[in-house]
């Protein structure tokens, strides 16, 4: 699957929501529910644990033809052979990530509430741009809020997949898709739910 030409649920893991022993099963459930991209996000400094988890998730994702994206860590993405990396404002630059991961890697960039960051990322060779938070987020309650019309502006000026993130639920997501989002990036809306597969499916059906 070419992630740059798909749309759908982008499920992002959170170590605070998923005990280590549940991580792989939880991601498998999200994939069964229809997740089209998976991001491994763990801000801890336990390198051995993160390597083991990312390796297991990459094998799972490859088995299901679903790209695994590593949050922030270019070297971890390289070590496990992940499909790509997602970069924030304080992470490695796009050129460094591209040189390390190669021309086929999927490089996503957080652009928060700023179209200029997205335009710069596109010129620098990013494959995806992400905006948000669009709604109050339990994962990042103090996150910058992005206006809905930012998606419309980005859609008019960019020929890249656009990711919307931040407090997205199956009930408020329709306006984001209508405004131009290609992916709905979701953390607690999937992984904090009692039935992860059903939760993921509620988002996936929005793209049907």
C-alpha atoms as a PDB file:
ATOM      1  CA  UNK A   1       0.000   0.000   0.000  1.00  0.00           C
ATOM      2  CA  UNK A   2       1.228   3.498  -0.828  1.00  0.00           C
ATOM      3  CA  UNK A   3       0.316   5.595   2.227  1.00  0.00           C
ATOM      4  CA  UNK A   4       0.532   8.810   0.218  1.00  0.00           C
ATOM      5  CA  UNK A   5      -2.452   7.703  -1.863  1.00  0.00           C
ATOM      6  CA  UNK A   6      -4.767   6.435   0.826  1.00  0.00           C
ATOM      7  CA  UNK A   7      -7.171   7.993   3.297  1.00  0.00           C
ATOM      8  CA  UNK A   8      -8.411   6.733   6.608  1.00  0.00           C
ATOM      9  CA  UNK A   9      -7.820   6.250  10.286  1.00  0.00           C
ATOM     10  CA  UNK A  10      -4.306   6.965  11.545  1.00  0.00           C
ATOM     11  CA  UNK A  11      -4.075   5.273  14.945  1.00  0.00           C
ATOM     12  CA  UNK A  12      -1.379   6.525  17.322  1.00  0.00           C
ATOM     13  CA  UNK A  13      -0.242   4.503  20.311  1.00  0.00           C
ATOM     14  CA  UNK A  14       0.272   5.984  23.770  1.00  0.00           C
ATOM     15  CA  UNK A  15       2.310   4.263  26.459  1.00  0.00           C
ATOM     16  CA  UNK A  16       0.068   5.770  29.120  1.00  0.00           C
ATOM     17  CA  UNK A  17      -2.995   4.051  27.685  1.00  0.00           C
ATOM     18  CA  UNK A  18      -1.488   0.686  26.780  1.00  0.00           C
ATOM     19  CA  UNK A  19       0.501  -1.499  29.161  1.00  0.00           C
ATOM     20  CA  UNK A  20       3.447  -3.154  27.460  1.00  0.00           C
ATOM     21  CA  UNK A  21       1.809  -6.562  27.391  1.00  0.00           C
ATOM     22  CA  UNK A  22      -1.261  -5.188  25.574  1.00  0.00           C
ATOM     23  CA  UNK A  23       0.443  -3.041  22.959  1.00  0.00           C
ATOM     24  CA  UNK A  24       0.746  -5.482  20.072  1.00  0.00           C
ATOM     25  CA  UNK A  25      -2.733  -6.956  20.588  1.00  0.00           C
ATOM     26  CA  UNK A  26      -4.215  -3.459  20.788  1.00  0.00           C
ATOM     27  CA  UNK A  27      -2.599  -2.394  17.527  1.00  0.00           C
ATOM     28  CA  UNK A  28      -3.748  -5.634  15.884  1.00  0.00           C
ATOM     29  CA  UNK A  29      -7.298  -4.818  16.973  1.00  0.00           C
ATOM     30  CA  UNK A  30      -7.036  -1.309  15.524  1.00  0.00           C
ATOM     31  CA  UNK A  31      -5.859  -2.749  12.218  1.00  0.00           C
ATOM     32  CA  UNK A  32      -8.736  -5.235  12.187  1.00  0.00           C
ATOM     33  CA  UNK A  33     -11.047  -2.288  12.754  1.00  0.00           C
ATOM     34  CA  UNK A  34      -9.708  -0.563   9.664  1.00  0.00           C
ATOM     35  CA  UNK A  35      -6.725   1.604  10.678  1.00  0.00           C
ATOM     36  CA  UNK A  36      -4.741   2.490   7.560  1.00  0.00           C
ATOM     37  CA  UNK A  37      -1.668   3.894   9.322  1.00  0.00           C
ATOM     38  CA  UNK A  38      -0.142   3.136  12.712  1.00  0.00           C
ATOM     39  CA  UNK A  39       2.195   5.426  14.615  1.00  0.00           C
ATOM     40  CA  UNK A  40       4.331   4.153  17.480  1.00  0.00           C
ATOM     41  CA  UNK A  41       4.601   6.978  19.989  1.00  0.00           C
ATOM     42  CA  UNK A  42       6.543   6.442  23.188  1.00  0.00           C
ATOM     43  CA  UNK A  43       8.399   9.303  24.849  1.00  0.00           C
ATOM     44  CA  UNK A  44      10.229   7.155  27.395  1.00  0.00           C
ATOM     45  CA  UNK A  45      14.001   6.776  27.425  1.00  0.00           C
ATOM     46  CA  UNK A  46      14.034   2.979  27.653  1.00  0.00           C
ATOM     47  CA  UNK A  47      15.813   2.308  24.377  1.00  0.00           C
ATOM     48  CA  UNK A  48      15.769  -1.483  24.630  1.00  0.00           C
ATOM     49  CA  UNK A  49      12.045  -1.561  25.376  1.00  0.00           C
ATOM     50  CA  UNK A  50      11.238   0.845  22.571  1.00  0.00           C
ATOM     51  CA  UNK A  51      13.316  -1.166  20.112  1.00  0.00           C
ATOM     52  CA  UNK A  52      11.583  -4.405  21.084  1.00  0.00           C
ATOM     53  CA  UNK A  53       8.112  -2.860  20.849  1.00  0.00           C
ATOM     54  CA  UNK A  54       8.765  -1.123  17.543  1.00  0.00           C
ATOM     55  CA  UNK A  55      10.235  -4.305  16.076  1.00  0.00           C
ATOM     56  CA  UNK A  56       7.144  -6.303  17.064  1.00  0.00           C
ATOM     57  CA  UNK A  57       4.788  -3.658  15.742  1.00  0.00           C
ATOM     58  CA  UNK A  58       6.644  -3.377  12.459  1.00  0.00           C
ATOM     59  CA  UNK A  59       6.380  -7.124  11.898  1.00  0.00           C
ATOM     60  CA  UNK A  60       2.650  -6.979  12.678  1.00  0.00           C
ATOM     61  CA  UNK A  61       2.081  -4.018  10.375  1.00  0.00           C
ATOM     62  CA  UNK A  62       4.026  -5.595   7.529  1.00  0.00           C
ATOM     63  CA  UNK A  63       1.925  -8.742   7.858  1.00  0.00           C
ATOM     64  CA  UNK A  64      -1.188  -6.595   7.326  1.00  0.00           C
ATOM     65  CA  UNK A  65       0.285  -4.222   4.715  1.00  0.00           C
ATOM     66  CA  UNK A  66      -0.228  -1.264   7.040  1.00  0.00           C
ATOM     67  CA  UNK A  67       2.673   1.213   7.296  1.00  0.00           C
ATOM     68  CA  UNK A  68       4.240   1.766  10.711  1.00  0.00           C
ATOM     69  CA  UNK A  69       5.399   5.303  11.407  1.00  0.00           C
ATOM     70  CA  UNK A  70       7.756   6.039  14.297  1.00  0.00           C
ATOM     71  CA  UNK A  71       7.156   9.226  16.242  1.00  0.00           C
ATOM     72  CA  UNK A  72      10.159  11.561  16.473  1.00  0.00           C
ATOM     73  CA  UNK A  73      12.932   8.943  16.360  1.00  0.00           C
ATOM     74  CA  UNK A  74      14.662   8.617  12.983  1.00  0.00           C
ATOM     75  CA  UNK A  75      17.223   6.138  14.290  1.00  0.00           C
ATOM     76  CA  UNK A  76      14.541   3.859  15.718  1.00  0.00           C
ATOM     77  CA  UNK A  77      12.659   3.966  12.430  1.00  0.00           C
ATOM     78  CA  UNK A  78      15.866   3.008  10.634  1.00  0.00           C
ATOM     79  CA  UNK A  79      16.706   0.238  13.101  1.00  0.00           C
ATOM     80  CA  UNK A  80      13.389  -1.570  12.738  1.00  0.00           C
ATOM     81  CA  UNK A  81      12.850  -0.863   9.042  1.00  0.00           C
ATOM     82  CA  UNK A  82       9.656   1.087   9.657  1.00  0.00           C
ATOM     83  CA  UNK A  83       7.780   2.702   6.791  1.00  0.00           C
ATOM     84  CA  UNK A  84       8.669   6.157   8.017  1.00  0.00           C
ATOM     85  CA  UNK A  85       8.864   8.757  10.732  1.00  0.00           C
ATOM     86  CA  UNK A  86       6.769  11.636  12.026  1.00  0.00           C
ATOM     87  CA  UNK A  87       8.687  14.772  12.955  1.00  0.00           C
ATOM     88  CA  UNK A  88       7.748  17.542  15.354  1.00  0.00           C
ATOM     89  CA  UNK A  89       9.109  21.044  15.622  1.00  0.00           C
ATOM     90  CA  UNK A  90      12.039  20.006  17.839  1.00  0.00           C
ATOM     91  CA  UNK A  91      12.976  16.822  15.973  1.00  0.00           C
ATOM     92  CA  UNK A  92      15.380  16.114  13.120  1.00  0.00           C
ATOM     93  CA  UNK A  93      14.856  18.053   9.912  1.00  0.00           C
ATOM     94  CA  UNK A  94      13.325  16.499   6.819  1.00  0.00           C
ATOM     95  CA  UNK A  95      16.596  16.351   4.883  1.00  0.00           C
ATOM     96  CA  UNK A  96      18.331  14.465   7.697  1.00  0.00           C
ATOM     97  CA  UNK A  97      15.459  12.001   7.987  1.00  0.00           C
ATOM     98  CA  UNK A  98      15.347  11.476   4.221  1.00  0.00           C
ATOM     99  CA  UNK A  99      19.081  10.868   4.015  1.00  0.00           C
ATOM    100  CA  UNK A 100      18.892   8.272   6.772  1.00  0.00           C
ATOM    101  CA  UNK A 101      15.658   6.514   5.796  1.00  0.00           C
ATOM    102  CA  UNK A 102      15.827   6.711   2.025  1.00  0.00           C
ATOM    103  CA  UNK A 103      13.642   7.974  -0.797  1.00  0.00           C
ATOM    104  CA  UNK A 104      10.744   5.593  -0.149  1.00  0.00           C
ATOM    105  CA  UNK A 105      10.289   6.471   3.527  1.00  0.00           C
ATOM    106  CA  UNK A 106       7.114   8.254   4.525  1.00  0.00           C
ATOM    107  CA  UNK A 107       7.996  11.469   6.341  1.00  0.00           C
ATOM    108  CA  UNK A 108       5.223  13.294   8.136  1.00  0.00           C
ATOM    109  CA  UNK A 109       5.579  16.675   9.798  1.00  0.00           C
ATOM    110  CA  UNK A 110       3.594  18.381  12.543  1.00  0.00           C
ATOM    111  CA  UNK A 111       2.514  21.846  11.411  1.00  0.00           C
ATOM    112  CA  UNK A 112       0.262  22.707  14.362  1.00  0.00           C
ATOM    113  CA  UNK A 113      -1.884  25.725  13.386  1.00  0.00           C
ATOM    114  CA  UNK A 114       0.498  27.113  10.744  1.00  0.00           C
ATOM    115  CA  UNK A 115       0.096  26.844   7.007  1.00  0.00           C
ATOM    116  CA  UNK A 116       3.574  28.301   6.446  1.00  0.00           C
ATOM    117  CA  UNK A 117       5.146  25.333   8.210  1.00  0.00           C
ATOM    118  CA  UNK A 118       3.239  22.980   5.924  1.00  0.00           C
ATOM    119  CA  UNK A 119       4.273  24.844   2.781  1.00  0.00           C
ATOM    120  CA  UNK A 120       7.893  24.782   3.922  1.00  0.00           C
ATOM    121  CA  UNK A 121       7.647  21.075   4.748  1.00  0.00           C
ATOM    122  CA  UNK A 122       6.235  20.327   1.312  1.00  0.00           C
ATOM    123  CA  UNK A 123       9.088  22.203  -0.353  1.00  0.00           C
ATOM    124  CA  UNK A 124      11.567  20.282   1.809  1.00  0.00           C
ATOM    125  CA  UNK A 125      10.190  16.934   0.669  1.00  0.00           C
ATOM    126  CA  UNK A 126       7.666  15.915   3.323  1.00  0.00           C
ATOM    127  CA  UNK A 127       5.134  13.252   2.352  1.00  0.00           C
ATOM    128  CA  UNK A 128       2.425  14.293   4.817  1.00  0.00           C
ATOM    129  CA  UNK A 129       1.563  17.328   6.891  1.00  0.00           C
ATOM    130  CA  UNK A 130      -0.426  17.260  10.121  1.00  0.00           C
ATOM    131  CA  UNK A 131      -2.492  20.055  11.664  1.00  0.00           C
ATOM    132  CA  UNK A 132      -4.145  20.325  15.053  1.00  0.00           C
ATOM    133  CA  UNK A 133      -5.404  20.161  17.658  1.00  0.00           C
ATOM    134  CA  UNK A 134      -8.841  20.824  16.190  1.00  0.00           C
ATOM    135  CA  UNK A 135     -10.761  19.897  19.342  1.00  0.00           C
ATOM    136  CA  UNK A 136      -9.849  19.667  23.034  1.00  0.00           C
ATOM    137  CA  UNK A 137      -7.546  16.676  23.372  1.00  0.00           C
ATOM    138  CA  UNK A 138      -7.278  14.392  26.407  1.00  0.00           C
ATOM    139  CA  UNK A 139      -3.806  13.352  25.211  1.00  0.00           C
ATOM    140  CA  UNK A 140      -2.448  16.918  24.984  1.00  0.00           C
ATOM    141  CA  UNK A 141      -4.870  19.208  26.834  1.00  0.00           C
ATOM    142  CA  UNK A 142      -2.671  22.295  26.388  1.00  0.00           C
ATOM    143  CA  UNK A 143      -2.026  21.765  22.679  1.00  0.00           C
ATOM    144  CA  UNK A 144      -2.340  24.689  20.247  1.00  0.00           C
ATOM    145  CA  UNK A 145      -5.803  24.837  18.686  1.00  0.00           C
ATOM    146  CA  UNK A 146      -6.060  24.973  14.903  1.00  0.00           C
ATOM    147  CA  UNK A 147      -8.993  26.582  13.048  1.00  0.00           C
ATOM    148  CA  UNK A 148     -11.093  24.481  10.699  1.00  0.00           C
ATOM    149  CA  UNK A 149     -10.471  26.743   7.718  1.00  0.00           C
ATOM    150  CA  UNK A 150      -6.770  25.890   7.954  1.00  0.00           C
ATOM    151  CA  UNK A 151      -7.615  22.540   6.378  1.00  0.00           C
ATOM    152  CA  UNK A 152      -9.404  24.279   3.515  1.00  0.00           C
ATOM    153  CA  UNK A 153      -6.454  26.594   2.920  1.00  0.00           C
ATOM    154  CA  UNK A 154      -4.008  23.699   3.028  1.00  0.00           C
ATOM    155  CA  UNK A 155      -6.107  21.601   0.674  1.00  0.00           C
ATOM    156  CA  UNK A 156      -6.155  24.442  -1.840  1.00  0.00           C
ATOM    157  CA  UNK A 157      -2.392  24.904  -1.775  1.00  0.00           C
ATOM    158  CA  UNK A 158      -0.930  21.472  -1.130  1.00  0.00           C
ATOM    159  CA  UNK A 159      -0.882  18.267  -3.109  1.00  0.00           C
ATOM    160  CA  UNK A 160       0.048  16.171  -0.079  1.00  0.00           C
ATOM    161  CA  UNK A 161      -2.037  14.033   2.270  1.00  0.00           C
ATOM    162  CA  UNK A 162      -3.291  16.135   5.168  1.00  0.00           C
ATOM    163  CA  UNK A 163      -3.615  14.705   8.669  1.00  0.00           C
ATOM    164  CA  UNK A 164      -5.991  16.177  11.248  1.00  0.00           C
ATOM    165  CA  UNK A 165      -5.356  15.492  14.916  1.00  0.00           C
ATOM    166  CA  UNK A 166      -6.624  16.497  18.335  1.00  0.00           C
ATOM    167  CA  UNK A 167      -9.740  15.404  20.168  1.00  0.00           C
ATOM    168  CA  UNK A 168     -11.286  13.772  17.118  1.00  0.00           C
ATOM    169  CA  UNK A 169     -14.302  11.544  17.693  1.00  0.00           C
ATOM    170  CA  UNK A 170     -16.567   9.727  15.242  1.00  0.00           C
ATOM    171  CA  UNK A 171     -19.159  12.419  15.991  1.00  0.00           C
ATOM    172  CA  UNK A 172     -17.051  15.500  15.220  1.00  0.00           C
ATOM    173  CA  UNK A 173     -14.852  14.110  12.444  1.00  0.00           C
ATOM    174  CA  UNK A 174     -17.149  14.779   9.484  1.00  0.00           C
ATOM    175  CA  UNK A 175     -16.364  18.508   9.391  1.00  0.00           C
ATOM    176  CA  UNK A 176     -12.647  17.741   9.192  1.00  0.00           C
ATOM    177  CA  UNK A 177     -13.098  15.393   6.256  1.00  0.00           C
ATOM    178  CA  UNK A 178     -15.339  17.879   4.501  1.00  0.00           C
ATOM    179  CA  UNK A 179     -12.706  20.581   4.980  1.00  0.00           C
ATOM    180  CA  UNK A 180     -10.015  18.470   3.307  1.00  0.00           C
ATOM    181  CA  UNK A 181      -8.427  16.093   5.804  1.00  0.00           C
ATOM    182  CA  UNK A 182      -7.242  12.778   4.352  1.00  0.00           C
ATOM    183  CA  UNK A 183      -6.381  11.114   7.656  1.00  0.00           C
ATOM    184  CA  UNK A 184      -7.885  11.305  11.112  1.00  0.00           C
ATOM    185  CA  UNK A 185      -5.115  10.826  13.662  1.00  0.00           C
ATOM    186  CA  UNK A 186      -6.574   9.388  16.857  1.00  0.00           C
ATOM    187  CA  UNK A 187      -5.070   8.288  20.163  1.00  0.00           C
ATOM    188  CA  UNK A 188      -7.541   7.906  23.030  1.00  0.00           C
ATOM    189  CA  UNK A 189     -10.543   7.645  20.715  1.00  0.00           C
ATOM    190  CA  UNK A 190      -9.151   4.250  19.714  1.00  0.00           C
ATOM    191  CA  UNK A 191      -6.742   3.008  22.351  1.00  0.00           C
ATOM    192  CA  UNK A 192      -8.620   4.193  25.446  1.00  0.00           C
ATOM    193  CA  UNK A 193     -11.806   2.421  24.401  1.00  0.00           C
ATOM    194  CA  UNK A 194     -13.023  -0.893  25.864  1.00  0.00           C
ATOM    195  CA  UNK A 195     -13.266  -2.505  22.413  1.00  0.00           C
ATOM    196  CA  UNK A 196     -10.471  -1.145  20.235  1.00  0.00           C
ATOM    197  CA  UNK A 197     -11.564  -2.920  17.078  1.00  0.00           C
ATOM    198  CA  UNK A 198     -15.091  -1.512  17.252  1.00  0.00           C
ATOM    199  CA  UNK A 199     -13.743   1.945  18.108  1.00  0.00           C
ATOM    200  CA  UNK A 200     -11.438   1.879  15.086  1.00  0.00           C
ATOM    201  CA  UNK A 201     -14.244   0.697  12.841  1.00  0.00           C
ATOM    202  CA  UNK A 202     -16.386   3.689  13.822  1.00  0.00           C
ATOM    203  CA  UNK A 203     -13.732   5.966  12.390  1.00  0.00           C
ATOM    204  CA  UNK A 204     -12.976   3.765   9.383  1.00  0.00           C
ATOM    205  CA  UNK A 205     -16.596   3.759   8.253  1.00  0.00           C
ATOM    206  CA  UNK A 206     -16.468   7.554   7.901  1.00  0.00           C
ATOM    207  CA  UNK A 207     -14.274   7.011   4.830  1.00  0.00           C
ATOM    208  CA  UNK A 208     -16.535   4.475   3.162  1.00  0.00           C
END
